Amino acid sequence: MNKITVDHFQRVQFLSALALSPAGQPAWVRTRVENDAYTGQLFVLDHAQPKQLTSGNESLFVWDDEKTLLFISSRGEKPQPEAESTTFYRIRTDGGEAIKAFTLPLKVRQIVPVKKGLYVLTAQIDLTAADYWQMSEAEREALHQRRKAEADYQIVSEQPYYQDGAGYTNGLRSRLFLYDEAQDELKPLCEPQFHVSRTVVSPDHNHLAISGAPFVKVRQPKEGLYRMDLNTLKSDCLLEPGQFSIAEIQWLSETQILAAMSNQKRYGAIENPFFYTLVA
């Protein structure tokens, strides 16, 4: 039996982000190690065979329609660590090159299609520049220079301030935005201090289920659950923060939400969640 060597790790592949098209076609990300770094490519199942669509480094995508994937990629652009920007591309599963769709002045962590050309975005913002998405180019460049000058130290002012796999998170929040591609218009859907964990669009595409809580200095481990009307952008609280730790949410119907939650009263933070239904 041969010993495990570094070369074995170079051959390891990870599959993630499996998602079905409206017609039921699977797509996923295959991640592997290349040049001492993780790289991901998009695949679809075509006539019962895996078909590679991209050769760059992709990790986040959604189905835009039955034959089109919308995904994040740098496509050879030189990354700027100080900048907050995300570029999306589209590629058809039946052939053709990836085409640039749009670039947003946000660090997008999740994108959820509402209807054609309308998307709900979860983006990471820095409270020291919460209005970055509204800044002029000159204001952003001045901020980038300041961030470069401050890169050698970290300011810690809240709890938690560090996360495994993410590094220092002090002052960072997940904020919701609505993006209209035709109008190239961004609208924030919550306050900067409100930290969003999960978002799911209802089957009729008229409502959004949101789990999260206000985060001022100390993060609330037990979040709230909210329903937002995507036509009026008004929200209702279905479950107040401080009662349950919410692991997952999904719509069961247009009026019911399934939530995996725990009140942590028996075993604390390690307690497995129970399933609950909530009327929305």
C-alpha atoms as a PDB file:
ATOM      1  CA  MET A   1       0.000   0.000   0.000  1.00  0.00           C
ATOM      2  CA  ASN A   2       1.459   3.351  -1.038  1.00  0.00           C
ATOM      3  CA  LYS A   3       1.805   6.163   1.479  1.00  0.00           C
ATOM      4  CA  ILE A   4      -0.262   9.312   1.175  1.00  0.00           C
ATOM      5  CA  THR A   5       1.723  12.138  -0.411  1.00  0.00           C
ATOM      6  CA  VAL A   6       1.043  15.774  -1.287  1.00  0.00           C
ATOM      7  CA  ASP A   7       0.062  14.667  -4.782  1.00  0.00           C
ATOM      8  CA  HIS A   8      -2.944  12.826  -3.367  1.00  0.00           C
ATOM      9  CA  PHE A   9      -4.361  16.078  -1.997  1.00  0.00           C
ATOM     10  CA  GLN A  10      -3.905  17.689  -5.410  1.00  0.00           C
ATOM     11  CA  ARG A  11      -6.310  15.072  -6.820  1.00  0.00           C
ATOM     12  CA  VAL A  12      -9.074  15.605  -4.258  1.00  0.00           C
ATOM     13  CA  GLN A  13     -12.270  17.145  -5.659  1.00  0.00           C
ATOM     14  CA  PHE A  14     -15.236  18.633  -3.788  1.00  0.00           C
ATOM     15  CA  LEU A  15     -18.743  19.016  -5.179  1.00  0.00           C
ATOM     16  CA  SER A  16     -20.984  21.744  -3.736  1.00  0.00           C
ATOM     17  CA  ALA A  17     -23.858  24.190  -4.385  1.00  0.00           C
ATOM     18  CA  LEU A  18     -26.019  21.639  -6.219  1.00  0.00           C
ATOM     19  CA  ALA A  19     -29.037  23.426  -7.733  1.00  0.00           C
ATOM     20  CA  LEU A  20     -31.783  22.389 -10.147  1.00  0.00           C
ATOM     21  CA  SER A  21     -32.936  24.473 -13.084  1.00  0.00           C
ATOM     22  CA  PRO A  22     -36.674  25.220 -13.490  1.00  0.00           C
ATOM     23  CA  ALA A  23     -36.692  22.205 -15.828  1.00  0.00           C
ATOM     24  CA  GLY A  24     -34.878  19.976 -13.311  1.00  0.00           C
ATOM     25  CA  GLN A  25     -31.347  20.021 -14.769  1.00  0.00           C
ATOM     26  CA  PRO A  26     -28.650  19.784 -12.039  1.00  0.00           C
ATOM     27  CA  ALA A  27     -25.731  22.208 -11.841  1.00  0.00           C
ATOM     28  CA  TRP A  28     -22.932  22.298  -9.290  1.00  0.00           C
ATOM     29  CA  VAL A  29     -19.472  23.632  -8.437  1.00  0.00           C
ATOM     30  CA  ARG A  30     -16.460  21.317  -8.565  1.00  0.00           C
ATOM     31  CA  THR A  31     -13.621  22.558  -6.368  1.00  0.00           C
ATOM     32  CA  ARG A  32     -10.074  21.221  -6.473  1.00  0.00           C
ATOM     33  CA  VAL A  33      -6.529  22.297  -5.592  1.00  0.00           C
ATOM     34  CA  GLU A  34      -4.510  23.988  -8.322  1.00  0.00           C
ATOM     35  CA  ASN A  35      -1.186  25.764  -7.740  1.00  0.00           C
ATOM     36  CA  ASP A  36      -1.640  25.533  -3.953  1.00  0.00           C
ATOM     37  CA  ALA A  37      -5.037  27.250  -4.098  1.00  0.00           C
ATOM     38  CA  TYR A  38      -8.665  26.159  -4.341  1.00  0.00           C
ATOM     39  CA  THR A  39     -10.358  26.731  -7.690  1.00  0.00           C
ATOM     40  CA  GLY A  40     -13.966  26.044  -8.649  1.00  0.00           C
ATOM     41  CA  GLN A  41     -15.629  25.393 -12.007  1.00  0.00           C
ATOM     42  CA  LEU A  42     -19.288  25.145 -12.979  1.00  0.00           C
ATOM     43  CA  PHE A  43     -20.723  21.852 -14.217  1.00  0.00           C
ATOM     44  CA  VAL A  44     -24.134  20.674 -15.420  1.00  0.00           C
ATOM     45  CA  LEU A  45     -25.506  17.205 -16.050  1.00  0.00           C
ATOM     46  CA  ASP A  46     -26.060  16.885 -19.796  1.00  0.00           C
ATOM     47  CA  HIS A  47     -27.519  13.617 -21.154  1.00  0.00           C
ATOM     48  CA  ALA A  48     -26.486  11.817 -17.937  1.00  0.00           C
ATOM     49  CA  GLN A  49     -22.874  13.071 -18.283  1.00  0.00           C
ATOM     50  CA  PRO A  50     -21.055  15.857 -16.379  1.00  0.00           C
ATOM     51  CA  LYS A  51     -20.378  18.832 -18.645  1.00  0.00           C
ATOM     52  CA  GLN A  52     -17.878  21.524 -17.634  1.00  0.00           C
ATOM     53  CA  LEU A  53     -19.042  25.054 -18.431  1.00  0.00           C
ATOM     54  CA  THR A  54     -16.254  27.244 -17.009  1.00  0.00           C
ATOM     55  CA  SER A  55     -12.505  27.014 -16.470  1.00  0.00           C
ATOM     56  CA  GLY A  56     -11.987  30.044 -14.222  1.00  0.00           C
ATOM     57  CA  ASN A  57     -12.535  30.177 -10.479  1.00  0.00           C
ATOM     58  CA  GLU A  58     -16.245  30.227  -9.650  1.00  0.00           C
ATOM     59  CA  SER A  59     -18.060  29.429  -6.411  1.00  0.00           C
ATOM     60  CA  LEU A  60     -21.485  31.118  -6.467  1.00  0.00           C
ATOM     61  CA  PHE A  61     -24.193  30.792  -9.116  1.00  0.00           C
ATOM     62  CA  VAL A  62     -27.961  30.715  -9.631  1.00  0.00           C
ATOM     63  CA  TRP A  63     -30.187  29.558 -12.455  1.00  0.00           C
ATOM     64  CA  ASP A  64     -31.383  32.626 -14.375  1.00  0.00           C
ATOM     65  CA  ASP A  65     -33.692  30.587 -16.595  1.00  0.00           C
ATOM     66  CA  GLU A  66     -33.929  26.998 -17.852  1.00  0.00           C
ATOM     67  CA  LYS A  67     -30.751  27.284 -19.945  1.00  0.00           C
ATOM     68  CA  THR A  68     -28.736  30.080 -18.317  1.00  0.00           C
ATOM     69  CA  LEU A  69     -26.517  30.300 -15.232  1.00  0.00           C
ATOM     70  CA  LEU A  70     -25.713  33.636 -13.580  1.00  0.00           C
ATOM     71  CA  PHE A  71     -22.437  33.434 -11.659  1.00  0.00           C
ATOM     72  CA  ILE A  72     -19.702  35.465  -9.976  1.00  0.00           C
ATOM     73  CA  SER A  73     -16.276  35.552 -11.604  1.00  0.00           C
ATOM     74  CA  SER A  74     -13.263  37.840 -11.911  1.00  0.00           C
ATOM     75  CA  ARG A  75     -12.479  36.604 -15.461  1.00  0.00           C
ATOM     76  CA  GLY A  76      -8.867  37.767 -15.395  1.00  0.00           C
ATOM     77  CA  GLU A  77      -9.550  41.041 -13.589  1.00  0.00           C
ATOM     78  CA  LYS A  78      -6.932  41.837 -10.963  1.00  0.00           C
ATOM     79  CA  PRO A  79      -8.575  41.644  -7.510  1.00  0.00           C
ATOM     80  CA  GLN A  80      -8.375  44.677  -5.221  1.00  0.00           C
ATOM     81  CA  PRO A  81      -8.605  43.587  -1.562  1.00  0.00           C
ATOM     82  CA  GLU A  82      -9.548  47.114  -0.476  1.00  0.00           C
ATOM     83  CA  ALA A  83     -12.405  47.408  -2.975  1.00  0.00           C
ATOM     84  CA  GLU A  84     -15.983  46.217  -2.600  1.00  0.00           C
ATOM     85  CA  SER A  85     -17.053  44.955  -5.993  1.00  0.00           C
ATOM     86  CA  THR A  86     -18.651  41.858  -7.543  1.00  0.00           C
ATOM     87  CA  THR A  87     -18.942  41.031 -11.245  1.00  0.00           C
ATOM     88  CA  PHE A  88     -21.582  38.654 -12.603  1.00  0.00           C
ATOM     89  CA  TYR A  89     -21.501  36.699 -15.853  1.00  0.00           C
ATOM     90  CA  ARG A  90     -24.062  34.617 -17.732  1.00  0.00           C
ATOM     91  CA  ILE A  91     -23.410  31.385 -19.580  1.00  0.00           C
ATOM     92  CA  ARG A  92     -25.835  29.139 -21.445  1.00  0.00           C
ATOM     93  CA  THR A  93     -25.742  25.426 -20.761  1.00  0.00           C
ATOM     94  CA  ASP A  94     -26.282  24.556 -24.436  1.00  0.00           C
ATOM     95  CA  GLY A  95     -23.098  26.269 -25.628  1.00  0.00           C
ATOM     96  CA  GLY A  96     -21.372  29.621 -25.986  1.00  0.00           C
ATOM     97  CA  GLU A  97     -18.946  31.765 -24.031  1.00  0.00           C
ATOM     98  CA  ALA A  98     -19.645  33.485 -20.720  1.00  0.00           C
ATOM     99  CA  ILE A  99     -20.941  37.051 -21.199  1.00  0.00           C
ATOM    100  CA  LYS A 100     -20.527  39.813 -18.633  1.00  0.00           C
ATOM    101  CA  ALA A 101     -23.883  40.721 -17.072  1.00  0.00           C
ATOM    102  CA  PHE A 102     -23.216  43.484 -14.519  1.00  0.00           C
ATOM    103  CA  THR A 103     -20.838  44.710 -11.826  1.00  0.00           C
ATOM    104  CA  LEU A 104     -22.063  45.864  -8.422  1.00  0.00           C
ATOM    105  CA  PRO A 105     -20.254  48.013  -5.814  1.00  0.00           C
ATOM    106  CA  LEU A 106     -20.884  45.329  -3.182  1.00  0.00           C
ATOM    107  CA  LYS A 107     -19.239  42.170  -1.876  1.00  0.00           C
ATOM    108  CA  VAL A 108     -22.117  39.858  -2.780  1.00  0.00           C
ATOM    109  CA  ARG A 109     -22.366  36.649  -0.762  1.00  0.00           C
ATOM    110  CA  GLN A 110     -25.731  35.414  -2.051  1.00  0.00           C
ATOM    111  CA  ILE A 111     -28.037  36.230  -4.961  1.00  0.00           C
ATOM    112  CA  VAL A 112     -31.669  35.117  -5.179  1.00  0.00           C
ATOM    113  CA  PRO A 113     -33.712  35.684  -8.361  1.00  0.00           C
ATOM    114  CA  VAL A 114     -37.158  37.189  -7.738  1.00  0.00           C
ATOM    115  CA  LYS A 115     -38.220  37.520 -11.372  1.00  0.00           C
ATOM    116  CA  LYS A 116     -36.484  38.269 -14.659  1.00  0.00           C
ATOM    117  CA  GLY A 117     -33.913  40.986 -14.028  1.00  0.00           C
ATOM    118  CA  LEU A 118     -34.803  41.463 -10.340  1.00  0.00           C
ATOM    119  CA  TYR A 119     -32.600  39.987  -7.610  1.00  0.00           C
ATOM    120  CA  VAL A 120     -32.308  39.962  -3.831  1.00  0.00           C
ATOM    121  CA  LEU A 121     -28.653  40.240  -2.776  1.00  0.00           C
ATOM    122  CA  THR A 122     -26.961  39.493   0.512  1.00  0.00           C
ATOM    123  CA  ALA A 123     -23.777  41.546   0.662  1.00  0.00           C
ATOM    124  CA  GLN A 124     -21.010  41.983   3.200  1.00  0.00           C
ATOM    125  CA  ILE A 125     -20.658  45.608   4.252  1.00  0.00           C
ATOM    126  CA  ASP A 126     -18.153  47.357   6.489  1.00  0.00           C
ATOM    127  CA  LEU A 127     -19.789  49.694   9.007  1.00  0.00           C
ATOM    128  CA  THR A 128     -16.864  52.097   8.688  1.00  0.00           C
ATOM    129  CA  ALA A 129     -18.040  52.688   5.091  1.00  0.00           C
ATOM    130  CA  ALA A 130     -21.633  51.436   5.085  1.00  0.00           C
ATOM    131  CA  ASP A 131     -22.547  53.741   2.183  1.00  0.00           C
ATOM    132  CA  TYR A 132     -19.731  52.465  -0.066  1.00  0.00           C
ATOM    133  CA  TRP A 133     -22.271  51.419  -2.702  1.00  0.00           C
ATOM    134  CA  GLN A 134     -23.348  55.065  -3.008  1.00  0.00           C
ATOM    135  CA  MET A 135     -19.879  56.661  -3.036  1.00  0.00           C
ATOM    136  CA  SER A 136     -18.303  58.395  -6.002  1.00  0.00           C
ATOM    137  CA  GLU A 137     -15.176  56.918  -7.587  1.00  0.00           C
ATOM    138  CA  ALA A 138     -13.042  59.594  -5.930  1.00  0.00           C
ATOM    139  CA  GLU A 139     -14.514  58.808  -2.493  1.00  0.00           C
ATOM    140  CA  ARG A 140     -13.915  55.086  -2.995  1.00  0.00           C
ATOM    141  CA  GLU A 141     -10.318  55.635  -4.075  1.00  0.00           C
ATOM    142  CA  ALA A 142      -9.655  57.734  -0.965  1.00  0.00           C
ATOM    143  CA  LEU A 143     -11.152  54.957   1.160  1.00  0.00           C
ATOM    144  CA  HIS A 144      -8.999  52.313  -0.582  1.00  0.00           C
ATOM    145  CA  GLN A 145      -5.860  54.314   0.177  1.00  0.00           C
ATOM    146  CA  ARG A 146      -6.877  54.653   3.822  1.00  0.00           C
ATOM    147  CA  ARG A 147      -7.528  50.910   4.077  1.00  0.00           C
ATOM    148  CA  LYS A 148      -4.097  50.157   2.607  1.00  0.00           C
ATOM    149  CA  ALA A 149      -2.491  52.425   5.198  1.00  0.00           C
ATOM    150  CA  GLU A 150      -4.400  50.665   8.016  1.00  0.00           C
ATOM    151  CA  ALA A 151      -3.807  47.110   6.769  1.00  0.00           C
ATOM    152  CA  ASP A 152      -1.086  46.338   9.362  1.00  0.00           C
ATOM    153  CA  TYR A 153      -3.414  46.416  12.379  1.00  0.00           C
ATOM    154  CA  GLN A 154      -6.955  45.463  13.400  1.00  0.00           C
ATOM    155  CA  ILE A 155      -9.390  47.409  15.553  1.00  0.00           C
ATOM    156  CA  VAL A 156     -11.454  45.134  17.830  1.00  0.00           C
ATOM    157  CA  SER A 157     -14.595  46.700  19.277  1.00  0.00           C
ATOM    158  CA  GLU A 158     -17.289  44.000  19.261  1.00  0.00           C
ATOM    159  CA  GLN A 159     -17.989  40.343  19.926  1.00  0.00           C
ATOM    160  CA  PRO A 160     -17.374  38.165  18.010  1.00  0.00           C
ATOM    161  CA  TYR A 161     -14.575  39.864  16.089  1.00  0.00           C
ATOM    162  CA  TYR A 162     -13.050  36.798  14.374  1.00  0.00           C
ATOM    163  CA  GLN A 163     -14.445  33.786  12.544  1.00  0.00           C
ATOM    164  CA  ASP A 164     -12.762  30.572  11.383  1.00  0.00           C
ATOM    165  CA  GLY A 165     -12.391  30.602   7.616  1.00  0.00           C
ATOM    166  CA  ALA A 166     -13.283  34.301   7.392  1.00  0.00           C
ATOM    167  CA  GLY A 167     -10.640  36.013   9.536  1.00  0.00           C
ATOM    168  CA  TYR A 168     -11.417  39.289  11.302  1.00  0.00           C
ATOM    169  CA  THR A 169     -15.098  40.160  11.084  1.00  0.00           C
ATOM    170  CA  ASN A 170     -15.134  43.182  13.376  1.00  0.00           C
ATOM    171  CA  GLY A 171     -17.535  45.783  11.953  1.00  0.00           C
ATOM    172  CA  LEU A 172     -18.729  43.553   9.112  1.00  0.00           C
ATOM    173  CA  ARG A 173     -22.432  42.889   8.515  1.00  0.00           C
ATOM    174  CA  SER A 174     -24.560  40.971   6.015  1.00  0.00           C
ATOM    175  CA  ARG A 175     -27.048  43.413   4.502  1.00  0.00           C
ATOM    176  CA  LEU A 176     -29.927  42.868   2.076  1.00  0.00           C
ATOM    177  CA  PHE A 177     -30.301  44.741  -1.212  1.00  0.00           C
ATOM    178  CA  LEU A 178     -32.743  44.610  -4.109  1.00  0.00           C
ATOM    179  CA  TYR A 179     -31.164  44.990  -7.554  1.00  0.00           C
ATOM    180  CA  ASP A 180     -33.096  45.912 -10.695  1.00  0.00           C
ATOM    181  CA  GLU A 181     -30.852  45.051 -13.647  1.00  0.00           C
ATOM    182  CA  ALA A 182     -32.882  46.943 -16.265  1.00  0.00           C
ATOM    183  CA  GLN A 183     -32.701  50.158 -14.219  1.00  0.00           C
ATOM    184  CA  ASP A 184     -29.254  49.360 -12.770  1.00  0.00           C
ATOM    185  CA  GLU A 185     -30.716  50.328  -9.410  1.00  0.00           C
ATOM    186  CA  LEU A 186     -29.796  49.139  -5.901  1.00  0.00           C
ATOM    187  CA  LYS A 187     -32.128  49.479  -2.906  1.00  0.00           C
ATOM    188  CA  PRO A 188     -31.174  48.489   0.664  1.00  0.00           C
ATOM    189  CA  LEU A 189     -33.837  46.348   2.337  1.00  0.00           C
ATOM    190  CA  CYS A 190     -32.634  46.676   5.928  1.00  0.00           C
ATOM    191  CA  GLU A 191     -30.528  48.920   8.150  1.00  0.00           C
ATOM    192  CA  PRO A 192     -26.713  48.499   8.142  1.00  0.00           C
ATOM    193  CA  GLN A 193     -26.719  47.268  11.768  1.00  0.00           C
ATOM    194  CA  PHE A 194     -29.198  44.479  10.997  1.00  0.00           C
ATOM    195  CA  HIS A 195     -27.217  41.269  10.353  1.00  0.00           C
ATOM    196  CA  VAL A 196     -28.949  38.920   7.901  1.00  0.00           C
ATOM    197  CA  SER A 197     -28.287  35.165   8.011  1.00  0.00           C
ATOM    198  CA  ARG A 198     -30.721  33.600   5.543  1.00  0.00           C
ATOM    199  CA  THR A 199     -33.130  34.711   2.821  1.00  0.00           C
ATOM    200  CA  VAL A 200     -35.619  32.640   0.816  1.00  0.00           C
ATOM    201  CA  VAL A 201     -38.114  33.824  -1.815  1.00  0.00           C
ATOM    202  CA  SER A 202     -41.674  32.491  -1.564  1.00  0.00           C
ATOM    203  CA  PRO A 203     -43.084  30.208  -4.298  1.00  0.00           C
ATOM    204  CA  ASP A 204     -45.197  33.063  -5.693  1.00  0.00           C
ATOM    205  CA  HIS A 205     -42.144  35.390  -5.714  1.00  0.00           C
ATOM    206  CA  ASN A 206     -44.049  38.027  -3.759  1.00  0.00           C
ATOM    207  CA  HIS A 207     -42.490  37.585  -0.323  1.00  0.00           C
ATOM    208  CA  LEU A 208     -39.117  37.083   1.276  1.00  0.00           C
ATOM    209  CA  ALA A 209     -38.409  35.104   4.450  1.00  0.00           C
ATOM    210  CA  ILE A 210     -35.474  36.562   6.393  1.00  0.00           C
ATOM    211  CA  SER A 211     -33.653  35.343   9.487  1.00  0.00           C
ATOM    212  CA  GLY A 212     -31.417  37.792  11.336  1.00  0.00           C
ATOM    213  CA  ALA A 213     -31.184  40.274  14.171  1.00  0.00           C
ATOM    214  CA  PRO A 214     -29.818  43.727  15.034  1.00  0.00           C
ATOM    215  CA  PHE A 215     -26.084  43.482  15.794  1.00  0.00           C
ATOM    216  CA  VAL A 216     -24.742  46.319  17.934  1.00  0.00           C
ATOM    217  CA  LYS A 217     -21.424  45.495  19.621  1.00  0.00           C
ATOM    218  CA  VAL A 218     -22.514  41.950  20.618  1.00  0.00           C
ATOM    219  CA  ARG A 219     -24.093  39.572  18.101  1.00  0.00           C
ATOM    220  CA  GLN A 220     -27.417  38.024  19.092  1.00  0.00           C
ATOM    221  CA  PRO A 221     -27.092  34.196  18.799  1.00  0.00           C
ATOM    222  CA  LYS A 222     -30.879  33.775  18.755  1.00  0.00           C
ATOM    223  CA  GLU A 223     -32.223  35.530  15.680  1.00  0.00           C
ATOM    224  CA  GLY A 224     -35.632  36.692  14.581  1.00  0.00           C
ATOM    225  CA  LEU A 225     -37.708  35.600  11.600  1.00  0.00           C
ATOM    226  CA  TYR A 226     -39.292  38.148   9.267  1.00  0.00           C
ATOM    227  CA  ARG A 227     -41.485  38.244   6.170  1.00  0.00           C
ATOM    228  CA  MET A 228     -41.012  41.029   3.635  1.00  0.00           C
ATOM    229  CA  ASP A 229     -43.496  41.958   0.919  1.00  0.00           C
ATOM    230  CA  LEU A 230     -41.384  42.385  -2.233  1.00  0.00           C
ATOM    231  CA  ASN A 231     -43.992  44.638  -3.821  1.00  0.00           C
ATOM    232  CA  THR A 232     -44.200  47.172  -0.998  1.00  0.00           C
ATOM    233  CA  LEU A 233     -40.824  46.360   0.672  1.00  0.00           C
ATOM    234  CA  LYS A 234     -42.587  46.380   4.055  1.00  0.00           C
ATOM    235  CA  SER A 235     -41.712  43.665   6.566  1.00  0.00           C
ATOM    236  CA  ASP A 236     -43.480  41.905   9.447  1.00  0.00           C
ATOM    237  CA  CYS A 237     -41.823  40.145  12.378  1.00  0.00           C
ATOM    238  CA  LEU A 238     -42.958  36.511  12.682  1.00  0.00           C
ATOM    239  CA  LEU A 239     -40.595  35.604  15.528  1.00  0.00           C
ATOM    240  CA  GLU A 240     -38.836  38.088  17.790  1.00  0.00           C
ATOM    241  CA  PRO A 241     -35.036  37.777  18.260  1.00  0.00           C
ATOM    242  CA  GLY A 242     -33.827  36.158  21.481  1.00  0.00           C
ATOM    243  CA  GLN A 243     -36.075  33.071  21.427  1.00  0.00           C
ATOM    244  CA  PHE A 244     -34.578  30.565  18.974  1.00  0.00           C
ATOM    245  CA  SER A 245     -31.337  29.798  17.196  1.00  0.00           C
ATOM    246  CA  ILE A 246     -32.405  29.385  13.558  1.00  0.00           C
ATOM    247  CA  ALA A 247     -30.458  26.827  11.512  1.00  0.00           C
ATOM    248  CA  GLU A 248     -32.516  26.862   8.293  1.00  0.00           C
ATOM    249  CA  ILE A 249     -35.700  28.273   6.747  1.00  0.00           C
ATOM    250  CA  GLN A 250     -37.729  27.223   3.698  1.00  0.00           C
ATOM    251  CA  TRP A 251     -41.149  28.049   2.305  1.00  0.00           C
ATOM    252  CA  LEU A 252     -43.668  25.178   2.486  1.00  0.00           C
ATOM    253  CA  SER A 253     -46.310  27.154   0.621  1.00  0.00           C
ATOM    254  CA  GLU A 254     -47.217  30.771  -0.052  1.00  0.00           C
ATOM    255  CA  THR A 255     -48.445  31.110   3.540  1.00  0.00           C
ATOM    256  CA  GLN A 256     -46.245  28.704   5.558  1.00  0.00           C
ATOM    257  CA  ILE A 257     -42.550  28.678   6.467  1.00  0.00           C
ATOM    258  CA  LEU A 258     -40.635  25.626   7.700  1.00  0.00           C
ATOM    259  CA  ALA A 259     -37.891  26.514  10.185  1.00  0.00           C
ATOM    260  CA  ALA A 260     -35.234  24.327  11.809  1.00  0.00           C
ATOM    261  CA  MET A 261     -34.727  25.975  15.218  1.00  0.00           C
ATOM    262  CA  SER A 262     -33.606  25.355  18.785  1.00  0.00           C
ATOM    263  CA  ASN A 263     -34.275  27.294  21.979  1.00  0.00           C
ATOM    264  CA  GLN A 264     -31.051  25.766  23.400  1.00  0.00           C
ATOM    265  CA  LYS A 265     -32.673  25.191  26.809  1.00  0.00           C
ATOM    266  CA  ARG A 266     -31.696  21.536  27.159  1.00  0.00           C
ATOM    267  CA  TYR A 267     -28.151  21.238  25.763  1.00  0.00           C
ATOM    268  CA  GLY A 268     -27.135  24.813  25.034  1.00  0.00           C
ATOM    269  CA  ALA A 269     -25.435  25.833  21.799  1.00  0.00           C
ATOM    270  CA  ILE A 270     -24.799  22.202  20.725  1.00  0.00           C
ATOM    271  CA  GLU A 271     -28.507  21.304  20.772  1.00  0.00           C
ATOM    272  CA  ASN A 272     -29.886  19.932  17.500  1.00  0.00           C
ATOM    273  CA  PRO A 273     -32.768  21.896  15.991  1.00  0.00           C
ATOM    274  CA  PHE A 274     -36.427  20.878  15.856  1.00  0.00           C
ATOM    275  CA  PHE A 275     -38.686  21.558  12.873  1.00  0.00           C
ATOM    276  CA  TYR A 276     -41.400  24.192  13.263  1.00  0.00           C
ATOM    277  CA  THR A 277     -44.005  25.596  10.896  1.00  0.00           C
ATOM    278  CA  LEU A 278     -44.931  29.266  11.033  1.00  0.00           C
ATOM    279  CA  VAL A 279     -47.875  30.974   9.405  1.00  0.00           C
ATOM    280  CA  ALA A 280     -46.640  33.726   7.131  1.00  0.00           C
END
